[in-house]
Amino acid sequence: MSGSNGSGHGGGSGKNNQGDQARRAGRRRKPPKRPAVNLDAFWGDPAKLPREEPTVRIITDPSAVVRSLGRPPLSGHQNHAEGYFTAVYQRSVTLASVLAAAGNLIAPDDLVGERVDDDT
C-alpha cells in the first residue's frame, strides 16, 4: 500500500478532487471580445467589381476526362464499372443543367436539343 490513506492512489480523497474541479470550471476566463469588423471596408465596394457573365456550358460527353485516365482498377469488373460511372456522370450533368436553368444561368431552351447516344 502506498500513500497515507491506504487507497493506493497516492493520497487525497476523491471528494476534494471533484470539488476542486467544479471550482476551477466556474472560474474559467471568457475569451476576449473581438472588435467589430466592417465587412464593407474589408471586402471593398461590390459596385466596383467587374460584371461577370455566366458561362455555363452543357457538355455532351461528361465521362471523357475520366476515361482519359484509363480503365477503373477494378479487377474483373471494369466493364460494369465504366457503365455505372458513365451513368453517374451523365446524371450529374443533367442535374447541373436543370439547376442552371432554374437559376437563370442558361435559357431553358438550351436544355432541349439533340440527345447524343453512345449506343449508335
PDB file of N, CA and C in Angstrom:
ATOM      1  N   MET A   1       0.842  -1.180   0.000  1.00  0.00           N
ATOM      2  CA  MET A   1       0.000   0.000   0.000  1.00  0.00           C
ATOM      3  C   MET A   1       0.875   1.227   0.000  1.00  0.00           C
ATOM      4  N   SER A   2       0.438   2.195  -0.759  1.00  0.00           N
ATOM      5  CA  SER A   2       1.194   3.436  -0.775  1.00  0.00           C
ATOM      6  C   SER A   2       0.267   4.578  -0.446  1.00  0.00           C
ATOM      7  N   GLY A   3       0.845   5.689  -0.076  1.00  0.00           N
ATOM      8  CA  GLY A   3       0.048   6.853   0.278  1.00  0.00           C
ATOM      9  C   GLY A   3      -0.426   6.766   1.707  1.00  0.00           C
ATOM     10  N   SER A   4      -0.962   7.853   2.196  1.00  0.00           N
ATOM     11  CA  SER A   4      -1.354   7.910   3.593  1.00  0.00           C
ATOM     12  C   SER A   4      -2.775   7.434   3.811  1.00  0.00           C
ATOM     13  N   ASN A   5      -3.603   7.354   2.767  1.00  0.00           N
ATOM     14  CA  ASN A   5      -4.972   6.974   3.013  1.00  0.00           C
ATOM     15  C   ASN A   5      -5.221   5.487   2.777  1.00  0.00           C
ATOM     16  N   GLY A   6      -4.208   4.759   2.285  1.00  0.00           N
ATOM     17  CA  GLY A   6      -4.339   3.326   2.123  1.00  0.00           C
ATOM     18  C   GLY A   6      -5.091   2.919   0.870  1.00  0.00           C
ATOM     19  N   SER A   7      -5.402   3.853  -0.006  1.00  0.00           N
ATOM     20  CA  SER A   7      -6.153   3.501  -1.199  1.00  0.00           C
ATOM     21  C   SER A   7      -5.251   3.100  -2.350  1.00  0.00           C
ATOM     22  N   GLY A   8      -3.956   3.357  -2.247  1.00  0.00           N
ATOM     23  CA  GLY A   8      -3.029   3.008  -3.294  1.00  0.00           C
ATOM     24  C   GLY A   8      -2.970   4.025  -4.418  1.00  0.00           C
ATOM     25  N   HIS A   9      -3.635   5.173  -4.258  1.00  0.00           N
ATOM     26  CA  HIS A   9      -3.662   6.178  -5.308  1.00  0.00           C
ATOM     27  C   HIS A   9      -2.730   7.347  -5.019  1.00  0.00           C
ATOM     28  N   GLY A  10      -2.039   7.329  -3.979  1.00  0.00           N
ATOM     29  CA  GLY A  10      -1.072   8.383  -3.717  1.00  0.00           C
ATOM     30  C   GLY A  10      -1.620   9.540  -2.922  1.00  0.00           C
ATOM     31  N   GLY A  11      -2.653   9.357  -2.154  1.00  0.00           N
ATOM     32  CA  GLY A  11      -3.122  10.402  -1.249  1.00  0.00           C
ATOM     33  C   GLY A  11      -4.282  11.184  -1.814  1.00  0.00           C
ATOM     34  N   GLY A  12      -4.973  11.883  -0.940  1.00  0.00           N
ATOM     35  CA  GLY A  12      -6.099  12.719  -1.323  1.00  0.00           C
ATOM     36  C   GLY A  12      -7.348  11.893  -1.542  1.00  0.00           C
ATOM     37  N   SER A  13      -8.487  12.477  -1.250  1.00  0.00           N
ATOM     38  CA  SER A  13      -9.729  11.747  -1.449  1.00  0.00           C
ATOM     39  C   SER A  13     -10.399  12.229  -2.721  1.00  0.00           C
ATOM     40  N   GLY A  14     -11.267  11.420  -3.262  1.00  0.00           N
ATOM     41  CA  GLY A  14     -11.967  11.749  -4.489  1.00  0.00           C
ATOM     42  C   GLY A  14     -12.891  12.936  -4.325  1.00  0.00           C
ATOM     43  N   LYS A  15     -13.458  13.129  -3.120  1.00  0.00           N
ATOM     44  CA  LYS A  15     -14.388  14.233  -2.904  1.00  0.00           C
ATOM     45  C   LYS A  15     -13.696  15.574  -3.110  1.00  0.00           C
ATOM     46  N   ASN A  16     -12.517  15.726  -2.569  1.00  0.00           N
ATOM     47  CA  ASN A  16     -11.817  17.001  -2.688  1.00  0.00           C
ATOM     48  C   ASN A  16     -11.450  17.297  -4.138  1.00  0.00           C
ATOM     49  N   ASN A  17     -11.038  16.272  -4.866  1.00  0.00           N
ATOM     50  CA  ASN A  17     -10.675  16.491  -6.270  1.00  0.00           C
ATOM     51  C   ASN A  17     -11.879  16.942  -7.092  1.00  0.00           C
ATOM     52  N   GLN A  18     -13.039  16.364  -6.829  1.00  0.00           N
ATOM     53  CA  GLN A  18     -14.230  16.755  -7.563  1.00  0.00           C
ATOM     54  C   GLN A  18     -14.618  18.200  -7.242  1.00  0.00           C
ATOM     55  N   GLY A  19     -14.498  18.578  -6.006  1.00  0.00           N
ATOM     56  CA  GLY A  19     -14.815  19.950  -5.605  1.00  0.00           C
ATOM     57  C   GLY A  19     -13.866  20.941  -6.234  1.00  0.00           C
ATOM     58  N   ASP A  20     -12.576  20.582  -6.303  1.00  0.00           N
ATOM     59  CA  ASP A  20     -11.602  21.464  -6.942  1.00  0.00           C
ATOM     60  C   ASP A  20     -11.906  21.652  -8.421  1.00  0.00           C
ATOM     61  N   GLN A  21     -12.300  20.569  -9.067  1.00  0.00           N
ATOM     62  CA  GLN A  21     -12.615  20.655 -10.495  1.00  0.00           C
ATOM     63  C   GLN A  21     -13.827  21.547 -10.719  1.00  0.00           C
ATOM     64  N   ALA A  22     -14.826  21.446  -9.862  1.00  0.00           N
ATOM     65  CA  ALA A  22     -16.027  22.267 -10.012  1.00  0.00           C
ATOM     66  C   ALA A  22     -15.688  23.743  -9.822  1.00  0.00           C
ATOM     67  N   ARG A  23     -14.833  24.045  -8.854  1.00  0.00           N
ATOM     68  CA  ARG A  23     -14.446  25.436  -8.629  1.00  0.00           C
ATOM     69  C   ARG A  23     -13.653  25.977  -9.816  1.00  0.00           C
ATOM     70  N   ARG A  24     -12.744  25.148 -10.333  1.00  0.00           N
ATOM     71  CA  ARG A  24     -11.944  25.598 -11.474  1.00  0.00           C
ATOM     72  C   ARG A  24     -12.815  25.843 -12.698  1.00  0.00           C
ATOM     73  N   ALA A  25     -13.821  24.997 -12.889  1.00  0.00           N
ATOM     74  CA  ALA A  25     -14.692  25.144 -14.049  1.00  0.00           C
ATOM     75  C   ALA A  25     -15.471  26.449 -13.968  1.00  0.00           C
ATOM     76  N   GLY A  26     -15.843  26.876 -12.803  1.00  0.00           N
ATOM     77  CA  GLY A  26     -16.599  28.110 -12.640  1.00  0.00           C
ATOM     78  C   GLY A  26     -15.740  29.350 -12.804  1.00  0.00           C
ATOM     79  N   ARG A  27     -14.436  29.204 -12.736  1.00  0.00           N
ATOM     80  CA  ARG A  27     -13.546  30.357 -12.818  1.00  0.00           C
ATOM     81  C   ARG A  27     -12.880  30.495 -14.178  1.00  0.00           C
ATOM     82  N   ARG A  28     -13.350  29.790 -15.151  1.00  0.00           N
ATOM     83  CA  ARG A  28     -12.732  29.890 -16.471  1.00  0.00           C
ATOM     84  C   ARG A  28     -12.929  31.279 -17.037  1.00  0.00           C
ATOM     85  N   ARG A  29     -11.913  31.757 -17.692  1.00  0.00           N
ATOM     86  CA  ARG A  29     -11.979  33.082 -18.292  1.00  0.00           C
ATOM     87  C   ARG A  29     -12.749  33.017 -19.607  1.00  0.00           C
ATOM     88  N   LYS A  30     -13.503  34.039 -19.840  1.00  0.00           N
ATOM     89  CA  LYS A  30     -14.198  34.150 -21.111  1.00  0.00           C
ATOM     90  C   LYS A  30     -13.208  34.684 -22.140  1.00  0.00           C
ATOM     91  N   PRO A  31     -13.343  34.232 -23.369  1.00  0.00           N
ATOM     92  CA  PRO A  31     -12.421  34.762 -24.381  1.00  0.00           C
ATOM     93  C   PRO A  31     -12.664  36.251 -24.591  1.00  0.00           C
ATOM     94  N   PRO A  32     -11.604  36.985 -24.907  1.00  0.00           N
ATOM     95  CA  PRO A  32     -11.785  38.432 -25.098  1.00  0.00           C
ATOM     96  C   PRO A  32     -12.676  38.694 -26.307  1.00  0.00           C
ATOM     97  N   LYS A  33     -13.462  39.747 -26.228  1.00  0.00           N
ATOM     98  CA  LYS A  33     -14.345  40.107 -27.327  1.00  0.00           C
ATOM     99  C   LYS A  33     -13.507  40.668 -28.467  1.00  0.00           C
ATOM    100  N   ARG A  34     -13.830  40.210 -29.654  1.00  0.00           N
ATOM    101  CA  ARG A  34     -13.132  40.704 -30.832  1.00  0.00           C
ATOM    102  C   ARG A  34     -13.772  42.011 -31.273  1.00  0.00           C
ATOM    103  N   PRO A  35     -12.975  42.903 -31.788  1.00  0.00           N
ATOM    104  CA  PRO A  35     -13.561  44.157 -32.266  1.00  0.00           C
ATOM    105  C   PRO A  35     -14.440  43.887 -33.490  1.00  0.00           C
ATOM    106  N   ALA A  36     -15.471  44.678 -33.638  1.00  0.00           N
ATOM    107  CA  ALA A  36     -16.376  44.527 -34.773  1.00  0.00           C
ATOM    108  C   ALA A  36     -15.625  44.831 -36.067  1.00  0.00           C
ATOM    109  N   VAL A  37     -15.865  44.016 -37.077  1.00  0.00           N
ATOM    110  CA  VAL A  37     -15.185  44.181 -38.351  1.00  0.00           C
ATOM    111  C   VAL A  37     -16.161  44.802 -39.344  1.00  0.00           C
ATOM    112  N   ASN A  38     -15.719  45.831 -39.993  1.00  0.00           N
ATOM    113  CA  ASN A  38     -16.518  46.463 -41.027  1.00  0.00           C
ATOM    114  C   ASN A  38     -16.302  45.678 -42.315  1.00  0.00           C
ATOM    115  N   LEU A  39     -17.299  44.861 -42.691  1.00  0.00           N
ATOM    116  CA  LEU A  39     -17.149  43.989 -43.847  1.00  0.00           C
ATOM    117  C   LEU A  39     -17.009  44.764 -45.146  1.00  0.00           C
ATOM    118  N   ASP A  40     -17.683  45.900 -45.258  1.00  0.00           N
ATOM    119  CA  ASP A  40     -17.561  46.697 -46.474  1.00  0.00           C
ATOM    120  C   ASP A  40     -16.132  47.212 -46.647  1.00  0.00           C
ATOM    121  N   ALA A  41     -15.518  47.614 -45.547  1.00  0.00           N
ATOM    122  CA  ALA A  41     -14.140  48.089 -45.631  1.00  0.00           C
ATOM    123  C   ALA A  41     -13.192  46.933 -45.940  1.00  0.00           C
ATOM    124  N   PHE A  42     -13.498  45.762 -45.426  1.00  0.00           N
ATOM    125  CA  PHE A  42     -12.627  44.607 -45.643  1.00  0.00           C
ATOM    126  C   PHE A  42     -12.714  44.113 -47.084  1.00  0.00           C
ATOM    127  N   TRP A  43     -13.937  43.905 -47.592  1.00  0.00           N
ATOM    128  CA  TRP A  43     -14.125  43.326 -48.921  1.00  0.00           C
ATOM    129  C   TRP A  43     -14.144  44.371 -50.020  1.00  0.00           C
ATOM    130  N   GLY A  44     -14.390  45.610 -49.679  1.00  0.00           N
ATOM    131  CA  GLY A  44     -14.452  46.650 -50.698  1.00  0.00           C
ATOM    132  C   GLY A  44     -15.878  46.862 -51.185  1.00  0.00           C
ATOM    133  N   ASP A  45     -16.026  47.792 -52.083  1.00  0.00           N
ATOM    134  CA  ASP A  45     -17.332  48.155 -52.613  1.00  0.00           C
ATOM    135  C   ASP A  45     -17.733  47.155 -53.701  1.00  0.00           C
ATOM    136  N   PRO A  46     -18.834  46.423 -53.502  1.00  0.00           N
ATOM    137  CA  PRO A  46     -19.221  45.438 -54.504  1.00  0.00           C
ATOM    138  C   PRO A  46     -19.607  46.073 -55.846  1.00  0.00           C
ATOM    139  N   ALA A  47     -19.981  47.345 -55.861  1.00  0.00           N
ATOM    140  CA  ALA A  47     -20.343  48.001 -57.113  1.00  0.00           C
ATOM    141  C   ALA A  47     -19.129  48.184 -58.024  1.00  0.00           C
ATOM    142  N   LYS A  48     -17.930  48.166 -57.449  1.00  0.00           N
ATOM    143  CA  LYS A  48     -16.716  48.359 -58.237  1.00  0.00           C
ATOM    144  C   LYS A  48     -16.207  47.055 -58.864  1.00  0.00           C
ATOM    145  N   LEU A  49     -16.808  45.944 -58.506  1.00  0.00           N
ATOM    146  CA  LEU A  49     -16.385  44.671 -59.071  1.00  0.00           C
ATOM    147  C   LEU A  49     -16.813  44.565 -60.529  1.00  0.00           C
ATOM    148  N   PRO A  50     -16.009  43.895 -61.341  1.00  0.00           N
ATOM    149  CA  PRO A  50     -16.417  43.747 -62.743  1.00  0.00           C
ATOM    150  C   PRO A  50     -17.632  42.838 -62.861  1.00  0.00           C
ATOM    151  N   ARG A  51     -18.446  43.110 -63.831  1.00  0.00           N
ATOM    152  CA  ARG A  51     -19.646  42.303 -64.071  1.00  0.00           C
ATOM    153  C   ARG A  51     -19.214  40.990 -64.711  1.00  0.00           C
ATOM    154  N   GLU A  52     -19.601  39.896 -64.097  1.00  0.00           N
ATOM    155  CA  GLU A  52     -19.228  38.584 -64.617  1.00  0.00           C
ATOM    156  C   GLU A  52     -20.409  37.978 -65.359  1.00  0.00           C
ATOM    157  N   GLU A  53     -20.143  37.557 -66.558  1.00  0.00           N
ATOM    158  CA  GLU A  53     -21.164  36.898 -67.353  1.00  0.00           C
ATOM    159  C   GLU A  53     -21.159  35.408 -67.012  1.00  0.00           C
ATOM    160  N   PRO A  54     -22.325  34.833 -66.798  1.00  0.00           N
ATOM    161  CA  PRO A  54     -22.362  33.398 -66.504  1.00  0.00           C
ATOM    162  C   PRO A  54     -21.912  32.588 -67.715  1.00  0.00           C
ATOM    163  N   THR A  55     -21.046  31.651 -67.468  1.00  0.00           N
ATOM    164  CA  THR A  55     -20.542  30.807 -68.547  1.00  0.00           C
ATOM    165  C   THR A  55     -20.806  29.352 -68.185  1.00  0.00           C
ATOM    166  N   VAL A  56     -22.019  28.930 -68.424  1.00  0.00           N
ATOM    167  CA  VAL A  56     -22.394  27.545 -68.166  1.00  0.00           C
ATOM    168  C   VAL A  56     -22.508  26.858 -69.515  1.00  0.00           C
ATOM    169  N   ARG A  57     -21.770  25.783 -69.663  1.00  0.00           N
ATOM    170  CA  ARG A  57     -21.837  25.012 -70.896  1.00  0.00           C
ATOM    171  C   ARG A  57     -22.268  23.596 -70.562  1.00  0.00           C
ATOM    172  N   ILE A  58     -23.200  23.103 -71.319  1.00  0.00           N
ATOM    173  CA  ILE A  58     -23.662  21.726 -71.138  1.00  0.00           C
ATOM    174  C   ILE A  58     -22.814  20.854 -72.057  1.00  0.00           C
ATOM    175  N   ILE A  59     -22.112  19.922 -71.500  1.00  0.00           N
ATOM    176  CA  ILE A  59     -21.223  19.083 -72.285  1.00  0.00           C
ATOM    177  C   ILE A  59     -21.953  17.820 -72.737  1.00  0.00           C
ATOM    178  N   THR A  60     -21.488  17.273 -73.826  1.00  0.00           N
ATOM    179  CA  THR A  60     -22.154  16.092 -74.375  1.00  0.00           C
ATOM    180  C   THR A  60     -21.505  14.792 -73.930  1.00  0.00           C
ATOM    181  N   ASP A  61     -20.261  14.840 -73.494  1.00  0.00           N
ATOM    182  CA  ASP A  61     -19.574  13.617 -73.065  1.00  0.00           C
ATOM    183  C   ASP A  61     -18.921  13.856 -71.700  1.00  0.00           C
ATOM    184  N   PRO A  62     -19.700  13.747 -70.627  1.00  0.00           N
ATOM    185  CA  PRO A  62     -19.165  14.083 -69.305  1.00  0.00           C
ATOM    186  C   PRO A  62     -18.102  13.111 -68.790  1.00  0.00           C
ATOM    187  N   SER A  63     -18.001  11.938 -69.361  1.00  0.00           N
ATOM    188  CA  SER A  63     -17.032  10.971 -68.838  1.00  0.00           C
ATOM    189  C   SER A  63     -15.718  10.995 -69.607  1.00  0.00           C
ATOM    190  N   ALA A  64     -15.535  11.914 -70.551  1.00  0.00           N
ATOM    191  CA  ALA A  64     -14.340  11.941 -71.382  1.00  0.00           C
ATOM    192  C   ALA A  64     -13.064  12.123 -70.564  1.00  0.00           C
ATOM    193  N   VAL A  65     -13.069  13.036 -69.628  1.00  0.00           N
ATOM    194  CA  VAL A  65     -11.859  13.290 -68.839  1.00  0.00           C
ATOM    195  C   VAL A  65     -11.507  12.074 -67.985  1.00  0.00           C
ATOM    196  N   VAL A  66     -12.510  11.478 -67.380  1.00  0.00           N
ATOM    197  CA  VAL A  66     -12.258  10.315 -66.528  1.00  0.00           C
ATOM    198  C   VAL A  66     -11.781   9.133 -67.369  1.00  0.00           C
ATOM    199  N   ARG A  67     -12.365   8.949 -68.540  1.00  0.00           N
ATOM    200  CA  ARG A  67     -11.928   7.851 -69.422  1.00  0.00           C
ATOM    201  C   ARG A  67     -10.493   8.051 -69.872  1.00  0.00           C
ATOM    202  N   SER A  68     -10.061   9.316 -69.992  1.00  0.00           N
ATOM    203  CA  SER A  68      -8.690   9.576 -70.427  1.00  0.00           C
ATOM    204  C   SER A  68      -7.662   9.106 -69.403  1.00  0.00           C
ATOM    205  N   LEU A  69      -8.108   8.888 -68.179  1.00  0.00           N
ATOM    206  CA  LEU A  69      -7.198   8.410 -67.133  1.00  0.00           C
ATOM    207  C   LEU A  69      -6.980   6.898 -67.198  1.00  0.00           C
ATOM    208  N   GLY A  70      -7.788   6.211 -67.988  1.00  0.00           N
ATOM    209  CA  GLY A  70      -7.656   4.759 -68.112  1.00  0.00           C
ATOM    210  C   GLY A  70      -8.854   4.057 -67.508  1.00  0.00           C
ATOM    211  N   ARG A  71      -8.825   2.742 -67.595  1.00  0.00           N
ATOM    212  CA  ARG A  71      -9.922   1.942 -67.083  1.00  0.00           C
ATOM    213  C   ARG A  71      -9.887   1.917 -65.555  1.00  0.00           C
ATOM    214  N   PRO A  72     -11.043   1.765 -64.924  1.00  0.00           N
ATOM    215  CA  PRO A  72     -11.062   1.680 -63.451  1.00  0.00           C
ATOM    216  C   PRO A  72     -10.299   0.448 -62.972  1.00  0.00           C
ATOM    217  N   PRO A  73      -9.531   0.589 -61.922  1.00  0.00           N
ATOM    218  CA  PRO A  73      -8.741  -0.545 -61.436  1.00  0.00           C
ATOM    219  C   PRO A  73      -9.569  -1.512 -60.585  1.00  0.00           C
ATOM    220  N   LEU A  74     -10.599  -2.052 -61.194  1.00  0.00           N
ATOM    221  CA  LEU A  74     -11.472  -2.995 -60.505  1.00  0.00           C
ATOM    222  C   LEU A  74     -11.374  -4.327 -61.240  1.00  0.00           C
ATOM    223  N   SER A  75     -10.479  -5.143 -60.828  1.00  0.00           N
ATOM    224  CA  SER A  75     -10.180  -6.398 -61.500  1.00  0.00           C
ATOM    225  C   SER A  75     -11.441  -7.230 -61.724  1.00  0.00           C
ATOM    226  N   GLY A  76     -11.707  -7.540 -62.993  1.00  0.00           N
ATOM    227  CA  GLY A  76     -12.841  -8.380 -63.335  1.00  0.00           C
ATOM    228  C   GLY A  76     -14.159  -7.650 -63.450  1.00  0.00           C
ATOM    229  N   HIS A  77     -14.220  -6.395 -63.048  1.00  0.00           N
ATOM    230  CA  HIS A  77     -15.473  -5.640 -63.070  1.00  0.00           C
ATOM    231  C   HIS A  77     -15.330  -4.321 -63.824  1.00  0.00           C
ATOM    232  N   GLN A  78     -14.315  -4.206 -64.660  1.00  0.00           N
ATOM    233  CA  GLN A  78     -14.024  -2.944 -65.322  1.00  0.00           C
ATOM    234  C   GLN A  78     -15.137  -2.515 -66.271  1.00  0.00           C
ATOM    235  N   ASN A  79     -15.685  -3.454 -67.037  1.00  0.00           N
ATOM    236  CA  ASN A  79     -16.735  -3.092 -67.990  1.00  0.00           C
ATOM    237  C   ASN A  79     -17.987  -2.602 -67.276  1.00  0.00           C
ATOM    238  N   HIS A  80     -18.371  -3.292 -66.228  1.00  0.00           N
ATOM    239  CA  HIS A  80     -19.556  -2.878 -65.473  1.00  0.00           C
ATOM    240  C   HIS A  80     -19.315  -1.527 -64.807  1.00  0.00           C
ATOM    241  N   ALA A  81     -18.120  -1.351 -64.240  1.00  0.00           N
ATOM    242  CA  ALA A  81     -17.804  -0.103 -63.541  1.00  0.00           C
ATOM    243  C   ALA A  81     -17.851   1.082 -64.499  1.00  0.00           C
ATOM    244  N   GLU A  82     -17.307   0.928 -65.697  1.00  0.00           N
ATOM    245  CA  GLU A  82     -17.323   2.027 -66.665  1.00  0.00           C
ATOM    246  C   GLU A  82     -18.754   2.427 -67.010  1.00  0.00           C
ATOM    247  N   GLY A  83     -19.614   1.448 -67.162  1.00  0.00           N
ATOM    248  CA  GLY A  83     -21.012   1.748 -67.466  1.00  0.00           C
ATOM    249  C   GLY A  83     -21.697   2.507 -66.345  1.00  0.00           C
ATOM    250  N   TYR A  84     -21.463   2.070 -65.117  1.00  0.00           N
ATOM    251  CA  TYR A  84     -22.065   2.756 -63.966  1.00  0.00           C
ATOM    252  C   TYR A  84     -21.498   4.159 -63.803  1.00  0.00           C
ATOM    253  N   PHE A  85     -20.188   4.303 -63.949  1.00  0.00           N
ATOM    254  CA  PHE A  85     -19.580   5.620 -63.818  1.00  0.00           C
ATOM    255  C   PHE A  85     -20.112   6.577 -64.884  1.00  0.00           C
ATOM    256  N   THR A  86     -20.236   6.094 -66.113  1.00  0.00           N
ATOM    257  CA  THR A  86     -20.767   6.927 -67.189  1.00  0.00           C
ATOM    258  C   THR A  86     -22.190   7.373 -66.874  1.00  0.00           C
ATOM    259  N   ALA A  87     -23.001   6.471 -66.338  1.00  0.00           N
ATOM    260  CA  ALA A  87     -24.378   6.823 -65.974  1.00  0.00           C
ATOM    261  C   ALA A  87     -24.404   7.896 -64.888  1.00  0.00           C
ATOM    262  N   VAL A  88     -23.512   7.782 -63.915  1.00  0.00           N
ATOM    263  CA  VAL A  88     -23.445   8.777 -62.833  1.00  0.00           C
ATOM    264  C   VAL A  88     -23.001  10.131 -63.381  1.00  0.00           C
ATOM    265  N   TYR A  89     -22.010  10.143 -64.265  1.00  0.00           N
ATOM    266  CA  TYR A  89     -21.539  11.407 -64.831  1.00  0.00           C
ATOM    267  C   TYR A  89     -22.633  12.060 -65.665  1.00  0.00           C
ATOM    268  N   GLN A  90     -23.339  11.257 -66.448  1.00  0.00           N
ATOM    269  CA  GLN A  90     -24.412  11.812 -67.276  1.00  0.00           C
ATOM    270  C   GLN A  90     -25.529  12.374 -66.404  1.00  0.00           C
ATOM    271  N   ARG A  91     -25.854  11.661 -65.334  1.00  0.00           N
ATOM    272  CA  ARG A  91     -26.905  12.146 -64.428  1.00  0.00           C
ATOM    273  C   ARG A  91     -26.485  13.461 -63.766  1.00  0.00           C
ATOM    274  N   SER A  92     -25.213  13.576 -63.399  1.00  0.00           N
ATOM    275  CA  SER A  92     -24.744  14.807 -62.764  1.00  0.00           C
ATOM    276  C   SER A  92     -24.826  15.982 -63.734  1.00  0.00           C
ATOM    277  N   VAL A  93     -24.534  15.761 -65.005  1.00  0.00           N
ATOM    278  CA  VAL A  93     -24.650  16.826 -65.998  1.00  0.00           C
ATOM    279  C   VAL A  93     -26.112  17.223 -66.159  1.00  0.00           C
ATOM    280  N   THR A  94     -26.997  16.234 -66.161  1.00  0.00           N
ATOM    281  CA  THR A  94     -28.423  16.530 -66.293  1.00  0.00           C
ATOM    282  C   THR A  94     -28.911  17.381 -65.127  1.00  0.00           C
ATOM    283  N   LEU A  95     -28.556  16.989 -63.914  1.00  0.00           N
ATOM    284  CA  LEU A  95     -28.995  17.744 -62.739  1.00  0.00           C
ATOM    285  C   LEU A  95     -28.381  19.141 -62.703  1.00  0.00           C
ATOM    286  N   ALA A  96     -27.108  19.254 -63.055  1.00  0.00           N
ATOM    287  CA  ALA A  96     -26.459  20.568 -63.074  1.00  0.00           C
ATOM    288  C   ALA A  96     -27.104  21.466 -64.130  1.00  0.00           C
ATOM    289  N   SER A  97     -27.493  20.884 -65.254  1.00  0.00           N
ATOM    290  CA  SER A  97     -28.141  21.669 -66.303  1.00  0.00           C
ATOM    291  C   SER A  97     -29.495  22.185 -65.846  1.00  0.00           C
ATOM    292  N   VAL A  98     -30.243  21.340 -65.177  1.00  0.00           N
ATOM    293  CA  VAL A  98     -31.553  21.757 -64.676  1.00  0.00           C
ATOM    294  C   VAL A  98     -31.398  22.851 -63.620  1.00  0.00           C
ATOM    295  N   LEU A  99     -30.417  22.710 -62.750  1.00  0.00           N
ATOM    296  CA  LEU A  99     -30.171  23.744 -61.739  1.00  0.00           C
ATOM    297  C   LEU A  99     -29.741  25.058 -62.388  1.00  0.00           C
ATOM    298  N   ALA A 100     -28.931  24.975 -63.431  1.00  0.00           N
ATOM    299  CA  ALA A 100     -28.506  26.190 -64.130  1.00  0.00           C
ATOM    300  C   ALA A 100     -29.700  26.881 -64.773  1.00  0.00           C
ATOM    301  N   ALA A 101     -30.609  26.101 -65.336  1.00  0.00           N
ATOM    302  CA  ALA A 101     -31.806  26.688 -65.940  1.00  0.00           C
ATOM    303  C   ALA A 101     -32.707  27.288 -64.866  1.00  0.00           C
ATOM    304  N   ALA A 102     -32.818  26.609 -63.725  1.00  0.00           N
ATOM    305  CA  ALA A 102     -33.649  27.128 -62.643  1.00  0.00           C
ATOM    306  C   ALA A 102     -33.073  28.416 -62.069  1.00  0.00           C
ATOM    307  N   GLY A 103     -31.758  28.555 -62.089  1.00  0.00           N
ATOM    308  CA  GLY A 103     -31.107  29.763 -61.575  1.00  0.00           C
ATOM    309  C   GLY A 103     -30.922  30.836 -62.626  1.00  0.00           C
ATOM    310  N   ASN A 104     -31.564  30.660 -63.784  1.00  0.00           N
ATOM    311  CA  ASN A 104     -31.482  31.625 -64.885  1.00  0.00           C
ATOM    312  C   ASN A 104     -30.057  31.853 -65.379  1.00  0.00           C
ATOM    313  N   LEU A 105     -29.210  30.830 -65.255  1.00  0.00           N
ATOM    314  CA  LEU A 105     -27.854  30.928 -65.798  1.00  0.00           C
ATOM    315  C   LEU A 105     -27.818  30.528 -67.266  1.00  0.00           C
ATOM    316  N   ILE A 106     -28.778  29.714 -67.675  1.00  0.00           N
ATOM    317  CA  ILE A 106     -28.937  29.351 -69.074  1.00  0.00           C
ATOM    318  C   ILE A 106     -30.421  29.428 -69.406  1.00  0.00           C
ATOM    319  N   ALA A 107     -30.712  29.527 -70.665  1.00  0.00           N
ATOM    320  CA  ALA A 107     -32.113  29.534 -71.092  1.00  0.00           C
ATOM    321  C   ALA A 107     -32.650  28.102 -71.038  1.00  0.00           C
ATOM    322  N   PRO A 108     -33.866  27.926 -70.577  1.00  0.00           N
ATOM    323  CA  PRO A 108     -34.426  26.569 -70.539  1.00  0.00           C
ATOM    324  C   PRO A 108     -34.432  25.899 -71.906  1.00  0.00           C
ATOM    325  N   ASP A 109     -34.473  26.686 -72.981  1.00  0.00           N
ATOM    326  CA  ASP A 109     -34.438  26.108 -74.323  1.00  0.00           C
ATOM    327  C   ASP A 109     -33.106  25.425 -74.603  1.00  0.00           C
ATOM    328  N   ASP A 110     -32.048  25.824 -73.899  1.00  0.00           N
ATOM    329  CA  ASP A 110     -30.750  25.180 -74.090  1.00  0.00           C
ATOM    330  C   ASP A 110     -30.751  23.734 -73.619  1.00  0.00           C
ATOM    331  N   LEU A 111     -31.705  23.390 -72.776  1.00  0.00           N
ATOM    332  CA  LEU A 111     -31.788  22.013 -72.284  1.00  0.00           C
ATOM    333  C   LEU A 111     -32.397  21.078 -73.320  1.00  0.00           C
ATOM    334  N   VAL A 112     -33.191  21.624 -74.223  1.00  0.00           N
ATOM    335  CA  VAL A 112     -33.847  20.820 -75.238  1.00  0.00           C
ATOM    336  C   VAL A 112     -32.972  20.830 -76.481  1.00  0.00           C
ATOM    337  N   GLY A 113     -32.604  19.672 -76.909  1.00  0.00           N
ATOM    338  CA  GLY A 113     -31.766  19.594 -78.098  1.00  0.00           C
ATOM    339  C   GLY A 113     -31.575  18.148 -78.479  1.00  0.00           C
ATOM    340  N   GLU A 114     -30.663  17.939 -79.383  1.00  0.00           N
ATOM    341  CA  GLU A 114     -30.395  16.579 -79.807  1.00  0.00           C
ATOM    342  C   GLU A 114     -29.693  15.826 -78.696  1.00  0.00           C
ATOM    343  N   ARG A 115     -30.151  14.628 -78.497  1.00  0.00           N
ATOM    344  CA  ARG A 115     -29.520  13.765 -77.493  1.00  0.00           C
ATOM    345  C   ARG A 115     -28.516  12.881 -78.213  1.00  0.00           C
ATOM    346  N   VAL A 116     -27.324  12.849 -77.690  1.00  0.00           N
ATOM    347  CA  VAL A 116     -26.275  12.026 -78.284  1.00  0.00           C
ATOM    348  C   VAL A 116     -26.213  10.727 -77.512  1.00  0.00           C
ATOM    349  N   ASP A 117     -26.474   9.622 -78.196  1.00  0.00           N
ATOM    350  CA  ASP A 117     -26.386   8.309 -77.572  1.00  0.00           C
ATOM    351  C   ASP A 117     -25.096   7.629 -77.993  1.00  0.00           C
ATOM    352  N   ASP A 118     -24.461   6.964 -77.050  1.00  0.00           N
ATOM    353  CA  ASP A 118     -23.223   6.248 -77.337  1.00  0.00           C
ATOM    354  C   ASP A 118     -23.488   4.880 -77.949  1.00  0.00           C
ATOM    355  N   ASP A 119     -24.753   4.455 -78.036  1.00  0.00           N
ATOM    356  CA  ASP A 119     -25.080   3.108 -78.490  1.00  0.00           C
ATOM    357  C   ASP A 119     -25.083   2.984 -80.014  1.00  0.00           C
ATOM    358  N   THR A 120     -24.980   4.079 -80.750  1.00  0.00           N
ATOM    359  CA  THR A 120     -25.092   4.011 -82.209  1.00  0.00           C
ATOM    360  C   THR A 120     -23.825   3.588 -82.873  1.00  0.00           C
TER     361      THR A 120
END
